Amino acid sequence: MTALQAAPTTQTTTTSEFPCGFRDGFRVERPDVADGAALWRIARDSRTLDLNSSYSYLLWCRDFAATSAVARSEDGRVAGFVTGFLRPEDPRVLLVWQVAVDERYRGHGLAGRMLDELVARIDRESELGVDTVETTITPGNRASERLFASFAARHGAQVTHEVLFAGEQFPAEGEAHAPEVLHRIAPL
């Protein structure tokens, strides 16, 4: 997937809700370019995400920081990330590209918290707000299916599913690519 929407990379942290910006030992904030290598490493080590080039993670942290998030531990390490963008054709729709949590930090509810805080931040800061979250999930990725189903439940939204890209639409890279199923969560 590609997107052409530029976003400022100024890092902001909401400290009014949580002292020092940390809750349960983590702070959720915008990524910056210095985080690109950590995002690439976490994606690589997840063994479930399609790994993009390291260059793409650097660009993502520069150009899509406003629609992405990192969870940072108290020692400053990136513990997880969510990358996303507002769809150019419908800027009230946040398409979540990737979600990953470093295995050292799993079990803290960080993926759900990053999604919640990212959507709340975009809703506050964007001109139109966000009323829909979309993501694609390959069949059998139960962890992602549970993550987005629980996000929908927390926000009182419905989830619809449809195949966005069939497996045969992907270029042959040795083994066949599974279809990408669009999960559409609305209304928020």
N, C-alpha and C. Protein backbone atom coordinates (compact mmCIF):
# COMPACT_ATOMS: atom_id res chain seq x y z
N MET A 1 0.83 -1.16 0.00
CA MET A 1 0.00 0.00 0.00
C MET A 1 0.88 1.23 0.00
N THR A 2 0.38 2.27 -0.63
CA THR A 2 1.09 3.53 -0.59
C THR A 2 0.10 4.64 -0.29
N ALA A 3 0.61 5.74 0.20
CA ALA A 3 -0.22 6.90 0.46
C ALA A 3 0.59 8.14 0.17
N LEU A 4 -0.08 9.19 -0.18
CA LEU A 4 0.62 10.41 -0.57
C LEU A 4 0.32 11.57 0.35
N GLN A 5 -0.08 11.31 1.57
CA GLN A 5 -0.45 12.37 2.49
C GLN A 5 0.72 12.70 3.39
N ALA A 6 1.16 13.93 3.37
CA ALA A 6 2.26 14.35 4.24
C ALA A 6 1.69 14.77 5.58
N ALA A 7 2.49 14.60 6.61
CA ALA A 7 2.07 14.99 7.95
C ALA A 7 3.25 15.57 8.69
N PRO A 8 3.02 16.52 9.57
CA PRO A 8 4.13 17.08 10.35
C PRO A 8 4.70 16.04 11.28
N THR A 9 5.98 16.18 11.60
CA THR A 9 6.64 15.21 12.45
C THR A 9 6.91 15.74 13.85
N THR A 10 6.35 16.86 14.19
CA THR A 10 6.53 17.39 15.54
C THR A 10 5.95 16.42 16.55
N GLN A 11 6.75 16.05 17.51
CA GLN A 11 6.30 15.07 18.49
C GLN A 11 5.54 15.77 19.61
N THR A 12 4.36 15.24 19.94
CA THR A 12 3.61 15.78 21.06
C THR A 12 3.20 14.65 21.98
N THR A 13 3.12 14.96 23.23
CA THR A 13 2.71 13.97 24.20
C THR A 13 1.63 14.60 25.06
N THR A 14 0.57 13.86 25.27
CA THR A 14 -0.48 14.34 26.14
C THR A 14 -0.10 14.01 27.56
N THR A 15 0.22 15.04 28.33
CA THR A 15 0.63 14.80 29.71
C THR A 15 -0.46 15.14 30.70
N SER A 16 -1.52 15.81 30.22
CA SER A 16 -2.57 16.19 31.15
C SER A 16 -3.35 14.98 31.64
N GLU A 17 -3.46 13.94 30.81
CA GLU A 17 -4.22 12.77 31.22
C GLU A 17 -3.41 11.84 32.13
N PHE A 18 -2.10 11.77 31.91
CA PHE A 18 -1.25 10.86 32.67
C PHE A 18 -0.01 11.61 33.13
N PRO A 19 0.31 11.57 34.43
CA PRO A 19 1.51 12.27 34.91
C PRO A 19 2.74 11.82 34.13
N CYS A 20 3.54 12.76 33.71
CA CYS A 20 4.76 12.53 32.95
C CYS A 20 4.49 11.82 31.63
N GLY A 21 3.23 11.72 31.23
CA GLY A 21 2.90 11.08 29.96
C GLY A 21 2.91 9.57 30.01
N PHE A 22 3.31 8.96 31.12
CA PHE A 22 3.42 7.51 31.21
C PHE A 22 2.22 6.93 31.95
N ARG A 23 1.75 5.81 31.47
CA ARG A 23 0.70 5.04 32.14
C ARG A 23 1.13 3.59 32.05
N ASP A 24 1.16 2.92 33.16
CA ASP A 24 1.59 1.52 33.22
C ASP A 24 2.99 1.33 32.63
N GLY A 25 3.84 2.36 32.76
CA GLY A 25 5.22 2.25 32.31
C GLY A 25 5.44 2.57 30.84
N PHE A 26 4.41 3.03 30.14
CA PHE A 26 4.55 3.34 28.71
C PHE A 26 3.89 4.67 28.39
N ARG A 27 4.42 5.31 27.37
CA ARG A 27 3.84 6.55 26.85
C ARG A 27 3.57 6.31 25.37
N VAL A 28 2.41 6.72 24.89
CA VAL A 28 2.06 6.60 23.47
C VAL A 28 2.20 7.98 22.86
N GLU A 29 2.96 8.07 21.76
CA GLU A 29 3.23 9.35 21.13
C GLU A 29 3.48 9.17 19.65
N ARG A 30 3.68 10.28 18.96
CA ARG A 30 4.03 10.23 17.54
C ARG A 30 5.44 9.66 17.37
N PRO A 31 5.66 8.90 16.32
CA PRO A 31 7.03 8.47 16.04
C PRO A 31 7.82 9.62 15.42
N ASP A 32 9.14 9.51 15.46
CA ASP A 32 9.97 10.43 14.68
C ASP A 32 10.98 9.59 13.91
N VAL A 33 11.72 10.23 13.04
CA VAL A 33 12.62 9.50 12.14
C VAL A 33 13.58 8.60 12.91
N ALA A 34 14.02 9.04 14.06
CA ALA A 34 14.95 8.24 14.87
C ALA A 34 14.34 6.89 15.27
N ASP A 35 13.01 6.76 15.20
CA ASP A 35 12.34 5.51 15.56
C ASP A 35 12.25 4.51 14.40
N GLY A 36 12.56 4.95 13.18
CA GLY A 36 12.38 4.10 12.01
C GLY A 36 13.06 2.75 12.10
N ALA A 37 14.29 2.71 12.56
CA ALA A 37 15.02 1.44 12.66
C ALA A 37 14.35 0.50 13.66
N ALA A 38 13.84 1.04 14.76
CA ALA A 38 13.16 0.21 15.75
C ALA A 38 11.87 -0.37 15.18
N LEU A 39 11.13 0.43 14.41
CA LEU A 39 9.90 -0.08 13.79
C LEU A 39 10.22 -1.22 12.84
N TRP A 40 11.26 -1.05 12.03
CA TRP A 40 11.67 -2.09 11.09
C TRP A 40 12.03 -3.37 11.86
N ARG A 41 12.82 -3.23 12.93
CA ARG A 41 13.25 -4.40 13.71
C ARG A 41 12.05 -5.11 14.33
N ILE A 42 11.12 -4.35 14.92
CA ILE A 42 9.94 -4.96 15.54
C ILE A 42 9.10 -5.68 14.49
N ALA A 43 8.92 -5.06 13.31
CA ALA A 43 8.17 -5.70 12.23
C ALA A 43 8.86 -6.98 11.78
N ARG A 44 10.18 -6.93 11.61
CA ARG A 44 10.94 -8.12 11.20
C ARG A 44 10.80 -9.24 12.22
N ASP A 45 10.95 -8.90 13.50
CA ASP A 45 10.92 -9.90 14.55
C ASP A 45 9.52 -10.44 14.83
N SER A 46 8.49 -9.76 14.33
CA SER A 46 7.12 -10.22 14.57
C SER A 46 6.84 -11.55 13.86
N ARG A 47 7.51 -11.78 12.76
CA ARG A 47 7.35 -12.98 11.94
C ARG A 47 5.92 -13.16 11.41
N THR A 48 5.08 -12.13 11.54
CA THR A 48 3.73 -12.19 10.97
C THR A 48 3.47 -11.05 10.00
N LEU A 49 4.12 -9.91 10.19
CA LEU A 49 3.89 -8.76 9.30
C LEU A 49 4.67 -8.93 8.00
N ASP A 50 4.11 -8.37 6.92
CA ASP A 50 4.91 -8.24 5.71
C ASP A 50 5.97 -7.19 6.01
N LEU A 51 7.24 -7.56 5.86
CA LEU A 51 8.33 -6.65 6.18
C LEU A 51 8.58 -5.71 5.01
N ASN A 52 8.47 -4.42 5.26
CA ASN A 52 8.79 -3.42 4.27
C ASN A 52 10.28 -3.08 4.38
N SER A 53 10.79 -2.32 3.43
CA SER A 53 12.19 -1.92 3.49
C SER A 53 12.42 -1.00 4.69
N SER A 54 13.66 -0.98 5.18
CA SER A 54 13.97 -0.09 6.30
C SER A 54 13.73 1.37 5.89
N TYR A 55 13.97 1.67 4.64
CA TYR A 55 13.73 3.01 4.11
C TYR A 55 12.27 3.41 4.27
N SER A 56 11.35 2.47 4.03
CA SER A 56 9.92 2.81 4.13
C SER A 56 9.53 3.15 5.57
N TYR A 57 10.14 2.48 6.55
CA TYR A 57 9.82 2.80 7.94
C TYR A 57 10.35 4.19 8.32
N LEU A 58 11.50 4.55 7.78
CA LEU A 58 12.02 5.91 8.01
C LEU A 58 11.08 6.95 7.40
N LEU A 59 10.65 6.71 6.15
CA LEU A 59 9.70 7.63 5.51
C LEU A 59 8.39 7.69 6.28
N TRP A 60 7.93 6.54 6.75
CA TRP A 60 6.67 6.51 7.49
C TRP A 60 6.75 7.41 8.72
N CYS A 61 7.88 7.30 9.43
CA CYS A 61 8.05 8.11 10.65
C CYS A 61 8.19 9.59 10.33
N ARG A 62 8.63 9.92 9.15
CA ARG A 62 8.74 11.32 8.75
C ARG A 62 7.41 11.85 8.21
N ASP A 63 6.80 11.13 7.27
CA ASP A 63 5.66 11.67 6.52
C ASP A 63 4.29 11.30 7.08
N PHE A 64 4.21 10.29 7.92
CA PHE A 64 2.92 9.85 8.46
C PHE A 64 2.93 9.77 9.99
N ALA A 65 3.77 10.57 10.61
CA ALA A 65 3.85 10.57 12.07
C ALA A 65 2.53 11.00 12.71
N ALA A 66 1.81 11.91 12.06
CA ALA A 66 0.56 12.41 12.63
C ALA A 66 -0.52 11.33 12.67
N THR A 67 -0.38 10.30 11.85
CA THR A 67 -1.39 9.24 11.80
C THR A 67 -0.80 7.90 12.22
N SER A 68 0.26 7.95 12.98
CA SER A 68 0.92 6.75 13.50
C SER A 68 1.27 6.97 14.96
N ALA A 69 1.65 5.91 15.64
CA ALA A 69 1.97 6.01 17.06
C ALA A 69 3.05 5.00 17.43
N VAL A 70 3.81 5.36 18.45
CA VAL A 70 4.72 4.40 19.08
C VAL A 70 4.39 4.37 20.57
N ALA A 71 4.60 3.22 21.16
CA ALA A 71 4.56 3.08 22.61
C ALA A 71 6.02 3.07 23.05
N ARG A 72 6.34 3.95 23.98
CA ARG A 72 7.71 4.07 24.44
C ARG A 72 7.77 3.70 25.91
N SER A 73 8.75 2.87 26.26
CA SER A 73 8.93 2.49 27.66
C SER A 73 9.59 3.65 28.40
N GLU A 74 9.62 3.57 29.71
CA GLU A 74 10.21 4.65 30.51
C GLU A 74 11.68 4.88 30.21
N ASP A 75 12.37 3.83 29.71
CA ASP A 75 13.78 4.02 29.36
C ASP A 75 13.95 4.52 27.92
N GLY A 76 12.85 4.87 27.25
CA GLY A 76 12.92 5.47 25.92
C GLY A 76 12.84 4.50 24.76
N ARG A 77 12.82 3.21 25.02
CA ARG A 77 12.77 2.22 23.93
C ARG A 77 11.39 2.18 23.29
N VAL A 78 11.37 1.95 21.98
CA VAL A 78 10.11 1.74 21.28
C VAL A 78 9.64 0.33 21.59
N ALA A 79 8.49 0.23 22.24
CA ALA A 79 7.95 -1.06 22.65
C ALA A 79 6.95 -1.60 21.63
N GLY A 80 6.41 -0.72 20.80
CA GLY A 80 5.45 -1.13 19.78
C GLY A 80 5.09 0.04 18.91
N PHE A 81 4.36 -0.25 17.83
CA PHE A 81 3.97 0.82 16.93
C PHE A 81 2.67 0.50 16.20
N VAL A 82 2.03 1.55 15.74
CA VAL A 82 0.89 1.48 14.82
C VAL A 82 1.21 2.45 13.71
N THR A 83 1.16 2.00 12.46
CA THR A 83 1.30 2.90 11.33
C THR A 83 -0.04 2.99 10.62
N GLY A 84 -0.40 4.18 10.19
CA GLY A 84 -1.66 4.38 9.51
C GLY A 84 -1.65 5.65 8.70
N PHE A 85 -2.72 5.85 7.94
CA PHE A 85 -2.90 7.08 7.18
C PHE A 85 -4.38 7.33 6.98
N LEU A 86 -4.71 8.60 6.77
CA LEU A 86 -6.08 8.96 6.43
C LEU A 86 -6.25 8.77 4.94
N ARG A 87 -7.32 8.08 4.55
CA ARG A 87 -7.53 7.79 3.13
C ARG A 87 -7.77 9.09 2.37
N PRO A 88 -7.02 9.35 1.31
CA PRO A 88 -7.18 10.60 0.56
C PRO A 88 -8.60 10.80 0.03
N GLU A 89 -9.27 9.72 -0.37
CA GLU A 89 -10.63 9.83 -0.91
C GLU A 89 -11.66 10.06 0.19
N ASP A 90 -11.33 9.70 1.41
CA ASP A 90 -12.26 9.84 2.53
C ASP A 90 -11.46 10.08 3.80
N PRO A 91 -11.09 11.34 4.08
CA PRO A 91 -10.18 11.64 5.20
C PRO A 91 -10.76 11.42 6.59
N ARG A 92 -11.97 10.90 6.70
CA ARG A 92 -12.50 10.51 8.01
C ARG A 92 -12.21 9.04 8.29
N VAL A 93 -11.55 8.37 7.34
CA VAL A 93 -11.22 6.95 7.48
C VAL A 93 -9.72 6.82 7.75
N LEU A 94 -9.39 6.21 8.88
CA LEU A 94 -8.01 5.88 9.22
C LEU A 94 -7.75 4.45 8.77
N LEU A 95 -6.83 4.28 7.84
CA LEU A 95 -6.42 2.93 7.46
C LEU A 95 -5.19 2.58 8.29
N VAL A 96 -5.32 1.54 9.09
CA VAL A 96 -4.20 1.08 9.92
C VAL A 96 -3.40 0.09 9.08
N TRP A 97 -2.15 0.43 8.84
CA TRP A 97 -1.28 -0.37 7.98
C TRP A 97 -0.66 -1.53 8.75
N GLN A 98 0.01 -1.23 9.84
CA GLN A 98 0.66 -2.27 10.62
C GLN A 98 0.55 -1.95 12.11
N VAL A 99 0.45 -3.02 12.91
CA VAL A 99 0.47 -2.93 14.37
C VAL A 99 1.41 -4.02 14.85
N ALA A 100 2.34 -3.65 15.70
CA ALA A 100 3.25 -4.65 16.25
C ALA A 100 3.75 -4.21 17.62
N VAL A 101 3.97 -5.19 18.48
CA VAL A 101 4.54 -4.94 19.81
C VAL A 101 5.76 -5.86 19.94
N ASP A 102 6.86 -5.27 20.37
CA ASP A 102 8.08 -6.05 20.63
C ASP A 102 7.74 -7.15 21.62
N GLU A 103 8.24 -8.35 21.36
CA GLU A 103 7.84 -9.50 22.20
C GLU A 103 8.21 -9.30 23.68
N ARG A 104 9.21 -8.48 23.99
CA ARG A 104 9.56 -8.20 25.39
C ARG A 104 8.46 -7.45 26.13
N TYR A 105 7.59 -6.76 25.36
CA TYR A 105 6.59 -5.89 25.98
C TYR A 105 5.16 -6.38 25.77
N ARG A 106 5.01 -7.58 25.27
CA ARG A 106 3.66 -8.11 25.05
C ARG A 106 3.01 -8.43 26.39
N GLY A 107 1.68 -8.45 26.39
CA GLY A 107 0.94 -8.77 27.60
C GLY A 107 0.58 -7.55 28.44
N HIS A 108 0.86 -6.36 27.92
CA HIS A 108 0.52 -5.12 28.63
C HIS A 108 -0.67 -4.40 27.99
N GLY A 109 -1.28 -4.99 26.97
CA GLY A 109 -2.40 -4.34 26.28
C GLY A 109 -1.97 -3.16 25.43
N LEU A 110 -0.69 -3.14 25.01
CA LEU A 110 -0.17 -1.98 24.28
C LEU A 110 -0.81 -1.81 22.91
N ALA A 111 -1.07 -2.88 22.19
CA ALA A 111 -1.63 -2.74 20.84
C ALA A 111 -2.98 -2.03 20.91
N GLY A 112 -3.86 -2.47 21.79
CA GLY A 112 -5.16 -1.83 21.94
C GLY A 112 -5.03 -0.40 22.42
N ARG A 113 -4.14 -0.17 23.36
CA ARG A 113 -3.95 1.19 23.88
C ARG A 113 -3.42 2.12 22.79
N MET A 114 -2.46 1.64 21.98
CA MET A 114 -1.95 2.49 20.90
C MET A 114 -3.07 2.84 19.92
N LEU A 115 -3.89 1.85 19.56
CA LEU A 115 -5.01 2.12 18.65
C LEU A 115 -5.96 3.15 19.24
N ASP A 116 -6.35 2.94 20.50
CA ASP A 116 -7.28 3.87 21.15
C ASP A 116 -6.72 5.29 21.19
N GLU A 117 -5.47 5.42 21.62
CA GLU A 117 -4.88 6.75 21.76
C GLU A 117 -4.61 7.40 20.41
N LEU A 118 -4.25 6.60 19.40
CA LEU A 118 -4.02 7.15 18.07
C LEU A 118 -5.32 7.70 17.49
N VAL A 119 -6.39 6.92 17.56
CA VAL A 119 -7.67 7.39 17.02
C VAL A 119 -8.15 8.63 17.78
N ALA A 120 -7.99 8.65 19.09
CA ALA A 120 -8.40 9.83 19.88
C ALA A 120 -7.57 11.05 19.47
N ARG A 121 -6.27 10.87 19.27
CA ARG A 121 -5.41 12.01 18.88
C ARG A 121 -5.80 12.53 17.51
N ILE A 122 -5.98 11.64 16.54
CA ILE A 122 -6.35 12.08 15.20
C ILE A 122 -7.71 12.75 15.22
N ASP A 123 -8.62 12.20 16.00
CA ASP A 123 -9.96 12.79 16.08
C ASP A 123 -9.90 14.21 16.63
N ARG A 124 -9.01 14.44 17.61
CA ARG A 124 -8.85 15.78 18.19
C ARG A 124 -8.16 16.74 17.23
N GLU A 125 -7.15 16.25 16.52
CA GLU A 125 -6.28 17.14 15.75
C GLU A 125 -6.68 17.32 14.29
N SER A 126 -7.43 16.39 13.73
CA SER A 126 -7.76 16.52 12.31
C SER A 126 -8.98 17.42 12.13
N GLU A 127 -9.07 17.98 10.97
CA GLU A 127 -10.16 18.91 10.66
C GLU A 127 -11.52 18.22 10.72
N LEU A 128 -11.60 17.00 10.22
CA LEU A 128 -12.88 16.30 10.12
C LEU A 128 -13.11 15.26 11.21
N GLY A 129 -12.04 14.82 11.88
CA GLY A 129 -12.18 13.74 12.84
C GLY A 129 -12.15 12.39 12.14
N VAL A 130 -12.26 11.34 12.91
CA VAL A 130 -12.24 9.97 12.38
C VAL A 130 -13.55 9.30 12.75
N ASP A 131 -14.23 8.72 11.77
CA ASP A 131 -15.45 7.98 12.08
C ASP A 131 -15.36 6.51 11.69
N THR A 132 -14.25 6.13 11.05
CA THR A 132 -14.08 4.74 10.58
C THR A 132 -12.61 4.35 10.69
N VAL A 133 -12.36 3.11 11.11
CA VAL A 133 -11.02 2.53 11.06
C VAL A 133 -11.09 1.34 10.12
N GLU A 134 -10.13 1.26 9.22
CA GLU A 134 -10.00 0.11 8.33
C GLU A 134 -8.63 -0.51 8.52
N THR A 135 -8.58 -1.81 8.32
CA THR A 135 -7.31 -2.53 8.29
C THR A 135 -7.52 -3.77 7.45
N THR A 136 -6.43 -4.35 6.98
CA THR A 136 -6.54 -5.64 6.31
C THR A 136 -5.82 -6.68 7.15
N ILE A 137 -6.42 -7.86 7.18
CA ILE A 137 -5.87 -8.97 7.97
C ILE A 137 -5.93 -10.22 7.11
N THR A 138 -4.84 -10.98 7.09
CA THR A 138 -4.87 -12.24 6.36
C THR A 138 -5.62 -13.28 7.19
N PRO A 139 -6.39 -14.15 6.52
CA PRO A 139 -7.13 -15.17 7.25
C PRO A 139 -6.19 -16.00 8.14
N GLY A 140 -6.65 -16.27 9.34
CA GLY A 140 -5.87 -17.06 10.28
C GLY A 140 -5.04 -16.24 11.25
N ASN A 141 -4.96 -14.93 11.06
CA ASN A 141 -4.22 -14.07 11.99
C ASN A 141 -5.17 -13.72 13.13
N ARG A 142 -5.34 -14.67 14.03
CA ARG A 142 -6.32 -14.55 15.12
C ARG A 142 -6.01 -13.39 16.06
N ALA A 143 -4.73 -13.14 16.32
CA ALA A 143 -4.37 -12.05 17.23
C ALA A 143 -4.85 -10.71 16.68
N SER A 144 -4.64 -10.46 15.40
CA SER A 144 -5.10 -9.20 14.80
C SER A 144 -6.62 -9.15 14.75
N GLU A 145 -7.25 -10.27 14.43
CA GLU A 145 -8.72 -10.29 14.41
C GLU A 145 -9.28 -9.94 15.79
N ARG A 146 -8.69 -10.51 16.84
CA ARG A 146 -9.15 -10.20 18.21
C ARG A 146 -8.89 -8.75 18.58
N LEU A 147 -7.72 -8.23 18.20
CA LEU A 147 -7.37 -6.84 18.50
C LEU A 147 -8.41 -5.89 17.92
N PHE A 148 -8.74 -6.05 16.65
CA PHE A 148 -9.66 -5.12 16.01
C PHE A 148 -11.11 -5.36 16.42
N ALA A 149 -11.47 -6.60 16.71
CA ALA A 149 -12.83 -6.87 17.22
C ALA A 149 -13.00 -6.23 18.60
N SER A 150 -11.97 -6.31 19.45
CA SER A 150 -12.09 -5.71 20.78
C SER A 150 -12.06 -4.18 20.68
N PHE A 151 -11.31 -3.62 19.73
CA PHE A 151 -11.34 -2.18 19.50
C PHE A 151 -12.76 -1.75 19.13
N ALA A 152 -13.38 -2.48 18.21
CA ALA A 152 -14.75 -2.16 17.79
C ALA A 152 -15.71 -2.22 18.97
N ALA A 153 -15.58 -3.26 19.79
CA ALA A 153 -16.46 -3.42 20.95
C ALA A 153 -16.30 -2.26 21.94
N ARG A 154 -15.04 -1.85 22.20
CA ARG A 154 -14.80 -0.73 23.12
C ARG A 154 -15.42 0.57 22.62
N HIS A 155 -15.52 0.70 21.30
CA HIS A 155 -16.01 1.95 20.71
C HIS A 155 -17.45 1.84 20.22
N GLY A 156 -18.11 0.72 20.53
CA GLY A 156 -19.51 0.55 20.16
C GLY A 156 -19.75 0.55 18.66
N ALA A 157 -18.78 0.05 17.90
CA ALA A 157 -18.86 0.06 16.44
C ALA A 157 -19.08 -1.35 15.89
N GLN A 158 -19.56 -1.41 14.69
CA GLN A 158 -19.75 -2.68 13.98
C GLN A 158 -18.49 -2.97 13.16
N VAL A 159 -18.25 -4.26 12.88
CA VAL A 159 -17.15 -4.67 12.02
C VAL A 159 -17.73 -5.39 10.82
N THR A 160 -17.36 -4.94 9.63
CA THR A 160 -17.73 -5.67 8.42
C THR A 160 -16.46 -6.20 7.78
N HIS A 161 -16.59 -7.26 6.99
CA HIS A 161 -15.44 -7.90 6.36
C HIS A 161 -15.72 -8.11 4.88
N GLU A 162 -14.69 -7.90 4.07
CA GLU A 162 -14.76 -8.25 2.65
C GLU A 162 -13.33 -8.43 2.16
N VAL A 163 -13.15 -9.27 1.16
CA VAL A 163 -11.82 -9.45 0.59
C VAL A 163 -11.48 -8.18 -0.19
N LEU A 164 -10.40 -7.53 0.19
CA LEU A 164 -9.95 -6.33 -0.50
C LEU A 164 -9.04 -6.70 -1.67
N PHE A 165 -8.08 -7.59 -1.39
CA PHE A 165 -7.16 -8.04 -2.43
C PHE A 165 -7.10 -9.57 -2.37
N ALA A 166 -7.45 -10.20 -3.48
CA ALA A 166 -7.38 -11.66 -3.57
C ALA A 166 -5.90 -12.07 -3.66
N GLY A 167 -5.61 -13.27 -3.22
CA GLY A 167 -4.24 -13.76 -3.23
C GLY A 167 -3.58 -13.70 -4.59
N GLU A 168 -4.35 -13.99 -5.65
CA GLU A 168 -3.76 -14.00 -6.99
C GLU A 168 -3.45 -12.60 -7.52
N GLN A 169 -3.88 -11.56 -6.84
CA GLN A 169 -3.55 -10.20 -7.26
C GLN A 169 -2.13 -9.80 -6.88
N PHE A 170 -1.52 -10.55 -5.96
CA PHE A 170 -0.16 -10.25 -5.54
C PHE A 170 0.83 -10.89 -6.51
N PRO A 171 1.97 -10.24 -6.74
CA PRO A 171 2.98 -10.85 -7.62
C PRO A 171 3.50 -12.14 -6.99
N ALA A 172 3.84 -13.09 -7.83
CA ALA A 172 4.37 -14.37 -7.35
C ALA A 172 5.74 -14.14 -6.75
N GLU A 173 5.89 -14.56 -5.50
CA GLU A 173 7.17 -14.43 -4.80
C GLU A 173 7.55 -15.77 -4.19
N GLY A 174 7.41 -16.82 -4.92
CA GLY A 174 7.70 -18.14 -4.38
C GLY A 174 6.42 -18.84 -3.99
N GLU A 175 5.89 -18.51 -2.82
CA GLU A 175 4.64 -19.12 -2.38
C GLU A 175 3.50 -18.12 -2.56
N ALA A 176 2.31 -18.63 -2.67
CA ALA A 176 1.14 -17.79 -2.90
C ALA A 176 0.89 -16.88 -1.69
N HIS A 177 0.41 -15.70 -1.97
CA HIS A 177 0.06 -14.74 -0.92
C HIS A 177 -1.39 -14.98 -0.53
N ALA A 178 -1.65 -14.95 0.75
CA ALA A 178 -3.03 -15.09 1.24
C ALA A 178 -3.81 -13.83 0.88
N PRO A 179 -5.13 -13.94 0.79
CA PRO A 179 -5.91 -12.73 0.53
C PRO A 179 -5.81 -11.77 1.71
N GLU A 180 -6.04 -10.50 1.42
CA GLU A 180 -6.09 -9.47 2.47
C GLU A 180 -7.57 -9.12 2.65
N VAL A 181 -8.08 -9.40 3.85
CA VAL A 181 -9.49 -9.16 4.16
C VAL A 181 -9.61 -7.80 4.84
N LEU A 182 -10.45 -6.93 4.27
CA LEU A 182 -10.67 -5.62 4.83
C LEU A 182 -11.63 -5.72 6.01
N HIS A 183 -11.20 -5.22 7.16
CA HIS A 183 -12.04 -5.11 8.34
C HIS A 183 -12.37 -3.62 8.47
N ARG A 184 -13.64 -3.30 8.37
CA ARG A 184 -14.09 -1.91 8.43
C ARG A 184 -14.87 -1.72 9.72
N ILE A 185 -14.39 -0.83 10.58
CA ILE A 185 -14.96 -0.60 11.91
C ILE A 185 -15.62 0.76 11.90
N ALA A 186 -16.96 0.75 12.04
CA ALA A 186 -17.70 2.01 11.96
C ALA A 186 -19.10 1.80 12.51
N PRO A 187 -19.77 2.88 12.91
CA PRO A 187 -19.23 4.23 13.08
C PRO A 187 -18.59 4.37 14.46
N LEU A 188 -17.57 5.20 14.53
CA LEU A 188 -16.93 5.50 15.80
C LEU A 188 -17.62 6.69 16.42
